[in-house]
């Protein structure tokens, strides 16, 4: 399981030696830590396409604004 390091840092106590593995496991059992979501390859690819689409929309908006300014 992957846990967000920020969540572990927010819980008081030790976090660096070998015994901490058991401590972190107990925190998980008691619901004080949550596993991090690791997206699948398909989800990552879709997110990349969404980011690219948004960048194209912003670029289009900039060009429209630039053209309108030239035509004024």
C-alpha atoms as a PDB file:
ATOM      1  CA  UNK A   1       0.000   0.000   0.000  1.00  0.00           C
ATOM      2  CA  UNK A   2       1.194   3.505  -0.780  1.00  0.00           C
ATOM      3  CA  UNK A   3       0.463   6.194   1.802  1.00  0.00           C
ATOM      4  CA  UNK A   4       0.842   9.908   1.258  1.00  0.00           C
ATOM      5  CA  UNK A   5       3.934  11.055   3.194  1.00  0.00           C
ATOM      6  CA  UNK A   6       2.190  14.284   4.197  1.00  0.00           C
ATOM      7  CA  UNK A   7      -0.471  12.259   6.041  1.00  0.00           C
ATOM      8  CA  UNK A   8       2.211  10.376   7.970  1.00  0.00           C
ATOM      9  CA  UNK A   9       4.004  13.622   8.843  1.00  0.00           C
ATOM     10  CA  UNK A  10       0.749  15.039  10.222  1.00  0.00           C
ATOM     11  CA  UNK A  11       0.441  12.150  12.710  1.00  0.00           C
ATOM     12  CA  UNK A  12       2.644  12.746  15.756  1.00  0.00           C
ATOM     13  CA  UNK A  13       5.304  10.171  16.598  1.00  0.00           C
ATOM     14  CA  UNK A  14       8.356   8.512  15.105  1.00  0.00           C
ATOM     15  CA  UNK A  15       8.571   7.772  11.412  1.00  0.00           C
ATOM     16  CA  UNK A  16      12.120   6.841  10.497  1.00  0.00           C
ATOM     17  CA  UNK A  17      13.394   3.572  12.018  1.00  0.00           C
ATOM     18  CA  UNK A  18      12.507  -0.076  11.360  1.00  0.00           C
ATOM     19  CA  UNK A  19       9.965  -0.261  14.222  1.00  0.00           C
ATOM     20  CA  UNK A  20       7.975   2.446  12.511  1.00  0.00           C
ATOM     21  CA  UNK A  21       6.663  -0.050   9.951  1.00  0.00           C
ATOM     22  CA  UNK A  22       4.614  -1.688  12.707  1.00  0.00           C
ATOM     23  CA  UNK A  23       3.538   1.720  14.010  1.00  0.00           C
ATOM     24  CA  UNK A  24       2.407   2.812  10.537  1.00  0.00           C
ATOM     25  CA  UNK A  25       0.561  -0.517  10.083  1.00  0.00           C
ATOM     26  CA  UNK A  26      -1.330   0.124  13.343  1.00  0.00           C
ATOM     27  CA  UNK A  27      -2.233   3.620  12.162  1.00  0.00           C
ATOM     28  CA  UNK A  28      -3.662   2.079   8.985  1.00  0.00           C
ATOM     29  CA  UNK A  29      -5.637  -0.516  10.970  1.00  0.00           C
ATOM     30  CA  UNK A  30      -7.210   2.211  13.091  1.00  0.00           C
ATOM     31  CA  UNK A  31      -8.120   4.298  10.058  1.00  0.00           C
ATOM     32  CA  UNK A  32      -5.731   7.148  10.855  1.00  0.00           C
ATOM     33  CA  UNK A  33      -3.980   6.872   7.488  1.00  0.00           C
ATOM     34  CA  UNK A  34      -5.424   6.291   4.051  1.00  0.00           C
ATOM     35  CA  UNK A  35      -3.842   4.697   1.029  1.00  0.00           C
ATOM     36  CA  UNK A  36      -3.025   6.903  -1.916  1.00  0.00           C
ATOM     37  CA  UNK A  37      -4.829   6.415  -5.208  1.00  0.00           C
ATOM     38  CA  UNK A  38      -2.509   5.246  -7.966  1.00  0.00           C
ATOM     39  CA  UNK A  39      -4.227   5.767 -11.317  1.00  0.00           C
ATOM     40  CA  UNK A  40      -4.163   3.043 -13.944  1.00  0.00           C
ATOM     41  CA  UNK A  41      -2.342   3.543 -17.227  1.00  0.00           C
ATOM     42  CA  UNK A  42      -5.656   4.327 -18.951  1.00  0.00           C
ATOM     43  CA  UNK A  43      -6.526   6.930 -16.320  1.00  0.00           C
ATOM     44  CA  UNK A  44      -3.097   8.566 -16.660  1.00  0.00           C
ATOM     45  CA  UNK A  45      -3.408   8.656 -20.453  1.00  0.00           C
ATOM     46  CA  UNK A  46      -6.893  10.147 -20.237  1.00  0.00           C
ATOM     47  CA  UNK A  47      -5.693  12.774 -17.762  1.00  0.00           C
ATOM     48  CA  UNK A  48      -2.835  13.647 -20.108  1.00  0.00           C
ATOM     49  CA  UNK A  49      -5.307  14.109 -22.979  1.00  0.00           C
ATOM     50  CA  UNK A  50      -7.518  16.299 -20.795  1.00  0.00           C
ATOM     51  CA  UNK A  51      -4.539  18.493 -19.837  1.00  0.00           C
ATOM     52  CA  UNK A  52      -3.532  18.772 -23.500  1.00  0.00           C
ATOM     53  CA  UNK A  53      -7.092  19.708 -24.524  1.00  0.00           C
ATOM     54  CA  UNK A  54      -7.224  22.395 -21.843  1.00  0.00           C
ATOM     55  CA  UNK A  55      -3.909  23.830 -23.035  1.00  0.00           C
ATOM     56  CA  UNK A  56      -5.243  23.932 -26.612  1.00  0.00           C
ATOM     57  CA  UNK A  57      -8.387  25.729 -25.431  1.00  0.00           C
ATOM     58  CA  UNK A  58      -6.272  28.336 -23.615  1.00  0.00           C
ATOM     59  CA  UNK A  59      -4.080  28.781 -26.678  1.00  0.00           C
ATOM     60  CA  UNK A  60      -7.153  29.185 -28.902  1.00  0.00           C
ATOM     61  CA  UNK A  61      -8.572  31.805 -26.534  1.00  0.00           C
ATOM     62  CA  UNK A  62      -5.281  33.725 -26.591  1.00  0.00           C
ATOM     63  CA  UNK A  63      -5.241  33.693 -30.388  1.00  0.00           C
ATOM     64  CA  UNK A  64      -8.866  34.830 -30.622  1.00  0.00           C
ATOM     65  CA  UNK A  65      -8.118  37.697 -28.234  1.00  0.00           C
ATOM     66  CA  UNK A  66      -4.984  38.618 -30.186  1.00  0.00           C
ATOM     67  CA  UNK A  67      -6.856  38.654 -33.502  1.00  0.00           C
ATOM     68  CA  UNK A  68      -9.695  40.725 -32.020  1.00  0.00           C
ATOM     69  CA  UNK A  69      -7.185  43.242 -30.709  1.00  0.00           C
ATOM     70  CA  UNK A  70      -5.532  43.520 -34.142  1.00  0.00           C
ATOM     71  CA  UNK A  71      -8.923  44.074 -35.791  1.00  0.00           C
ATOM     72  CA  UNK A  72      -9.913  46.886 -33.408  1.00  0.00           C
END
